[in-house]
Structure formats: structure tokens, C-alpha cells
Amino acid sequence: MVKILFIVVAGKPINERVVQYGPFVMNTEAEIQEAFAEYRRTQFGGWPWPKEEMNHGRDKGRFALHADGREEVKGKTFFLPRRFKKRRNGSQYSF
């Protein structure tokens, strides 16, 4: 048996010219060129580290640094902020 899923998306036309090139979608070719120029100049906000080659090194391994300050390392325990408390059974966390 084959299952098929269809998604139909519709909306009102915006009645404006649309120009697309690469990842950019604008209304005019001039806006596309301006977007490319800005991308080349700033890299959409720039590289926040002092050196181009800034990285965490090969020994760091896989990890995730979350906005709340906790660091998740694959296969290791991680820091739990005070707002995360272990439940009485010790196996789950409440948020």
C-alpha cells in the first residue's frame, strides 16, 4: 500500500514584481545587487570572533552551547542551571 501526502498552499497575489537570484528574493534587480553588495561587505552581521579561522579545535568534539548557559556534550553530563531541578525519582528533569 502506498500512502501519498499532499500539501496545498494558497494565498492572495501580492501584485508586485518578484526577482529571485541565489538566496535573495526582492522586488527589483537593483535590490538584488544591493543585497549581494551588503552580503559581501558584512557577511550578514559579520564573523563575531577576532580571527577568520576561529574554531573550537578538533579535540572539543560535538557539543551544543545553549542560550541559558548550559553546555551539552555528546556522551557526557552537562551543567544544569538552578532553574532545572531533578525530580525525586532522579531520572528526569523539571523545567
N, C-alpha and C. Protein backbone atom coordinates (compact mmCIF):
# COMPACT_ATOMS: atom_id res chain seq x y z
N MET A 1 0.83 -1.16 0.00
CA MET A 1 0.00 0.00 0.00
C MET A 1 0.89 1.25 0.00
N VAL A 2 0.57 2.22 -0.82
CA VAL A 2 1.33 3.45 -0.93
C VAL A 2 0.52 4.60 -0.34
N LYS A 3 1.15 5.33 0.58
CA LYS A 3 0.50 6.49 1.16
C LYS A 3 1.05 7.73 0.49
N ILE A 4 0.18 8.63 0.12
CA ILE A 4 0.58 9.87 -0.52
C ILE A 4 0.04 11.04 0.30
N LEU A 5 0.89 12.00 0.52
CA LEU A 5 0.51 13.18 1.28
C LEU A 5 0.61 14.40 0.37
N PHE A 6 -0.44 15.20 0.30
CA PHE A 6 -0.45 16.42 -0.49
C PHE A 6 -0.59 17.61 0.45
N ILE A 7 0.17 18.63 0.16
CA ILE A 7 0.02 19.89 0.88
C ILE A 7 -0.29 20.95 -0.16
N VAL A 8 -1.41 21.62 0.00
CA VAL A 8 -1.81 22.66 -0.93
C VAL A 8 -1.70 24.00 -0.19
N VAL A 9 -0.91 24.88 -0.74
CA VAL A 9 -0.71 26.18 -0.13
C VAL A 9 -1.22 27.24 -1.10
N ALA A 10 -2.02 28.13 -0.63
CA ALA A 10 -2.56 29.18 -1.49
C ALA A 10 -2.60 30.49 -0.72
N GLY A 11 -2.58 31.56 -1.46
CA GLY A 11 -2.65 32.87 -0.85
C GLY A 11 -3.06 33.90 -1.87
N LYS A 12 -3.33 35.07 -1.40
CA LYS A 12 -3.71 36.14 -2.30
C LYS A 12 -2.47 36.66 -3.04
N PRO A 13 -2.59 36.95 -4.32
CA PRO A 13 -1.45 37.52 -5.05
C PRO A 13 -1.08 38.89 -4.47
N ILE A 14 0.22 39.17 -4.41
CA ILE A 14 0.65 40.45 -3.87
C ILE A 14 0.73 41.53 -4.94
N ASN A 15 0.58 41.13 -6.19
CA ASN A 15 0.60 42.06 -7.32
C ASN A 15 1.84 42.95 -7.33
N GLU A 16 2.98 42.36 -7.01
CA GLU A 16 4.26 43.05 -7.07
C GLU A 16 5.24 42.20 -7.84
N ARG A 17 6.17 42.86 -8.48
CA ARG A 17 7.21 42.15 -9.22
C ARG A 17 8.11 41.43 -8.21
N VAL A 18 8.51 40.22 -8.54
CA VAL A 18 9.40 39.45 -7.68
C VAL A 18 10.60 39.02 -8.49
N VAL A 19 11.80 39.31 -7.95
CA VAL A 19 13.05 38.94 -8.59
C VAL A 19 13.80 38.05 -7.63
N GLN A 20 14.27 36.90 -8.10
CA GLN A 20 15.00 35.96 -7.26
C GLN A 20 16.33 35.64 -7.91
N TYR A 21 17.40 35.68 -7.11
CA TYR A 21 18.72 35.26 -7.60
C TYR A 21 19.47 34.69 -6.41
N GLY A 22 19.87 33.44 -6.49
CA GLY A 22 20.53 32.79 -5.36
C GLY A 22 19.58 32.75 -4.17
N PRO A 23 20.09 33.10 -2.99
CA PRO A 23 19.24 33.07 -1.80
C PRO A 23 18.38 34.32 -1.61
N PHE A 24 18.52 35.28 -2.50
CA PHE A 24 17.85 36.57 -2.32
C PHE A 24 16.58 36.66 -3.16
N VAL A 25 15.55 37.20 -2.56
CA VAL A 25 14.29 37.46 -3.25
C VAL A 25 13.90 38.90 -2.94
N MET A 26 13.79 39.70 -3.98
CA MET A 26 13.48 41.12 -3.82
C MET A 26 12.45 41.53 -4.87
N ASN A 27 12.23 42.84 -4.99
CA ASN A 27 11.28 43.33 -5.98
C ASN A 27 11.95 43.81 -7.26
N THR A 28 13.23 44.21 -7.20
CA THR A 28 13.93 44.69 -8.39
C THR A 28 15.33 44.09 -8.45
N GLU A 29 15.92 44.13 -9.66
CA GLU A 29 17.29 43.64 -9.81
C GLU A 29 18.26 44.52 -9.04
N ALA A 30 17.97 45.81 -8.96
CA ALA A 30 18.83 46.73 -8.20
C ALA A 30 18.86 46.33 -6.72
N GLU A 31 17.73 45.91 -6.16
CA GLU A 31 17.68 45.47 -4.77
C GLU A 31 18.47 44.19 -4.58
N ILE A 32 18.44 43.30 -5.58
CA ILE A 32 19.24 42.07 -5.53
C ILE A 32 20.72 42.42 -5.49
N GLN A 33 21.16 43.32 -6.36
CA GLN A 33 22.57 43.73 -6.40
C GLN A 33 22.97 44.40 -5.09
N GLU A 34 22.08 45.20 -4.51
CA GLU A 34 22.35 45.84 -3.23
C GLU A 34 22.49 44.79 -2.12
N ALA A 35 21.63 43.77 -2.14
CA ALA A 35 21.71 42.70 -1.15
C ALA A 35 23.03 41.94 -1.26
N PHE A 36 23.47 41.65 -2.50
CA PHE A 36 24.76 40.97 -2.69
C PHE A 36 25.91 41.83 -2.20
N ALA A 37 25.85 43.14 -2.49
CA ALA A 37 26.91 44.05 -2.05
C ALA A 37 26.98 44.09 -0.52
N GLU A 38 25.81 44.14 0.14
CA GLU A 38 25.78 44.16 1.60
C GLU A 38 26.28 42.84 2.17
N TYR A 39 25.93 41.73 1.52
CA TYR A 39 26.41 40.43 1.98
C TYR A 39 27.93 40.34 1.88
N ARG A 40 28.48 40.80 0.75
CA ARG A 40 29.94 40.78 0.59
C ARG A 40 30.63 41.67 1.62
N ARG A 41 30.01 42.80 1.96
CA ARG A 41 30.60 43.76 2.88
C ARG A 41 30.50 43.28 4.34
N THR A 42 29.38 42.70 4.74
CA THR A 42 29.16 42.39 6.16
C THR A 42 28.98 40.92 6.48
N GLN A 43 28.80 40.05 5.49
CA GLN A 43 28.51 38.63 5.74
C GLN A 43 27.28 38.49 6.62
N PHE A 44 26.27 39.37 6.44
CA PHE A 44 25.04 39.38 7.24
C PHE A 44 25.33 39.47 8.72
N GLY A 45 26.10 40.44 9.11
CA GLY A 45 26.38 40.67 10.51
C GLY A 45 27.81 40.38 10.89
N GLY A 46 28.54 39.77 9.99
CA GLY A 46 29.95 39.55 10.22
C GLY A 46 30.27 38.32 11.06
N TRP A 47 31.53 38.07 11.17
CA TRP A 47 32.09 36.97 11.94
C TRP A 47 32.39 37.51 13.32
N PRO A 48 31.76 37.01 14.39
CA PRO A 48 31.89 37.63 15.71
C PRO A 48 33.20 37.34 16.44
N TRP A 49 34.10 36.55 15.86
CA TRP A 49 35.34 36.20 16.52
C TRP A 49 36.50 37.01 15.96
N PRO A 50 37.57 37.17 16.71
CA PRO A 50 38.67 38.05 16.29
C PRO A 50 39.46 37.55 15.09
N LYS A 51 39.46 36.25 14.83
CA LYS A 51 40.23 35.72 13.69
C LYS A 51 39.30 34.96 12.75
N GLU A 52 39.62 34.97 11.46
CA GLU A 52 38.82 34.25 10.46
C GLU A 52 38.77 32.76 10.76
N GLU A 53 39.88 32.20 11.21
CA GLU A 53 39.96 30.75 11.41
C GLU A 53 39.54 30.33 12.82
N MET A 54 38.89 31.20 13.56
CA MET A 54 38.47 30.89 14.93
C MET A 54 37.58 29.65 14.97
N ASN A 55 37.95 28.68 15.78
CA ASN A 55 37.13 27.48 15.95
C ASN A 55 37.40 26.89 17.32
N HIS A 56 36.76 25.80 17.62
CA HIS A 56 36.88 25.19 18.94
C HIS A 56 37.92 24.07 18.98
N GLY A 57 38.58 23.81 17.89
CA GLY A 57 39.61 22.78 17.86
C GLY A 57 39.06 21.38 17.66
N ARG A 58 39.91 20.49 17.19
CA ARG A 58 39.48 19.12 16.89
C ARG A 58 39.19 18.32 18.15
N ASP A 59 39.85 18.64 19.24
CA ASP A 59 39.69 17.87 20.48
C ASP A 59 38.38 18.17 21.20
N LYS A 60 37.71 19.25 20.84
CA LYS A 60 36.48 19.65 21.52
C LYS A 60 35.36 18.62 21.33
N GLY A 61 35.24 18.04 20.15
CA GLY A 61 34.18 17.08 19.89
C GLY A 61 32.84 17.78 19.67
N ARG A 62 31.79 16.99 19.61
CA ARG A 62 30.45 17.54 19.37
C ARG A 62 29.87 18.10 20.65
N PHE A 63 29.34 19.32 20.56
CA PHE A 63 28.72 19.94 21.72
C PHE A 63 27.71 20.98 21.25
N ALA A 64 26.88 21.40 22.19
CA ALA A 64 25.92 22.47 21.93
C ALA A 64 25.97 23.42 23.11
N LEU A 65 26.12 24.71 22.82
CA LEU A 65 26.11 25.73 23.85
C LEU A 65 24.78 26.45 23.75
N HIS A 66 23.95 26.31 24.77
CA HIS A 66 22.60 26.85 24.77
C HIS A 66 22.58 28.29 25.30
N ALA A 67 21.54 29.02 24.95
CA ALA A 67 21.40 30.42 25.35
C ALA A 67 21.31 30.58 26.86
N ASP A 68 20.82 29.57 27.56
CA ASP A 68 20.71 29.68 29.02
C ASP A 68 22.01 29.34 29.75
N GLY A 69 23.09 29.09 29.00
CA GLY A 69 24.40 28.86 29.60
C GLY A 69 24.81 27.41 29.74
N ARG A 70 23.91 26.48 29.51
CA ARG A 70 24.30 25.08 29.66
C ARG A 70 25.01 24.59 28.40
N GLU A 71 25.97 23.72 28.61
CA GLU A 71 26.71 23.12 27.51
C GLU A 71 26.40 21.63 27.47
N GLU A 72 25.98 21.17 26.33
CA GLU A 72 25.66 19.76 26.14
C GLU A 72 26.79 19.13 25.35
N VAL A 73 27.40 18.09 25.89
CA VAL A 73 28.49 17.40 25.22
C VAL A 73 28.05 15.98 24.96
N LYS A 74 28.22 15.51 23.74
CA LYS A 74 27.77 14.17 23.39
C LYS A 74 28.45 13.12 24.28
N GLY A 75 27.65 12.35 24.97
CA GLY A 75 28.16 11.27 25.82
C GLY A 75 28.65 11.71 27.18
N LYS A 76 28.49 12.99 27.54
CA LYS A 76 28.94 13.48 28.84
C LYS A 76 27.80 14.22 29.53
N THR A 77 27.97 14.43 30.81
CA THR A 77 26.98 15.20 31.54
C THR A 77 27.18 16.68 31.24
N PHE A 78 26.21 17.49 31.57
CA PHE A 78 26.32 18.91 31.30
C PHE A 78 25.81 19.73 32.46
N PHE A 79 26.15 20.99 32.47
CA PHE A 79 25.76 21.93 33.51
C PHE A 79 24.26 22.16 33.47
N LEU A 80 23.61 22.09 34.64
CA LEU A 80 22.20 22.39 34.73
C LEU A 80 22.03 23.66 35.56
N PRO A 81 21.49 24.71 34.99
CA PRO A 81 21.26 25.92 35.78
C PRO A 81 20.33 25.63 36.96
N ARG A 82 20.29 26.52 37.92
CA ARG A 82 19.49 26.31 39.12
C ARG A 82 18.01 26.12 38.82
N ARG A 83 17.52 26.72 37.75
CA ARG A 83 16.10 26.59 37.47
C ARG A 83 15.71 25.18 37.01
N PHE A 84 16.70 24.34 36.67
CA PHE A 84 16.43 22.96 36.30
C PHE A 84 16.64 22.11 37.56
N LYS A 85 15.63 21.40 37.97
CA LYS A 85 15.74 20.60 39.18
C LYS A 85 15.45 19.14 38.88
N LYS A 86 16.23 18.28 39.50
CA LYS A 86 16.00 16.86 39.34
C LYS A 86 14.75 16.47 40.09
N ARG A 87 13.95 15.61 39.48
CA ARG A 87 12.75 15.13 40.17
C ARG A 87 13.15 14.11 41.24
N ARG A 88 12.23 13.82 42.10
CA ARG A 88 12.54 12.90 43.22
C ARG A 88 13.00 11.53 42.76
N ASN A 89 12.48 11.07 41.63
CA ASN A 89 12.91 9.73 41.18
C ASN A 89 14.30 9.77 40.57
N GLY A 90 14.85 10.97 40.34
CA GLY A 90 16.23 11.12 39.89
C GLY A 90 16.46 10.88 38.42
N SER A 91 15.40 10.52 37.68
CA SER A 91 15.64 10.17 36.28
C SER A 91 15.24 11.23 35.27
N GLN A 92 14.46 12.22 35.71
CA GLN A 92 14.02 13.23 34.78
C GLN A 92 14.22 14.61 35.36
N TYR A 93 14.13 15.60 34.53
CA TYR A 93 14.31 16.97 34.96
C TYR A 93 13.02 17.75 34.76
N SER A 94 12.72 18.63 35.70
CA SER A 94 11.57 19.50 35.53
C SER A 94 12.09 20.87 35.13
N PHE A 95 11.33 21.55 34.31
CA PHE A 95 11.78 22.84 33.79
C PHE A 95 10.89 23.95 34.31
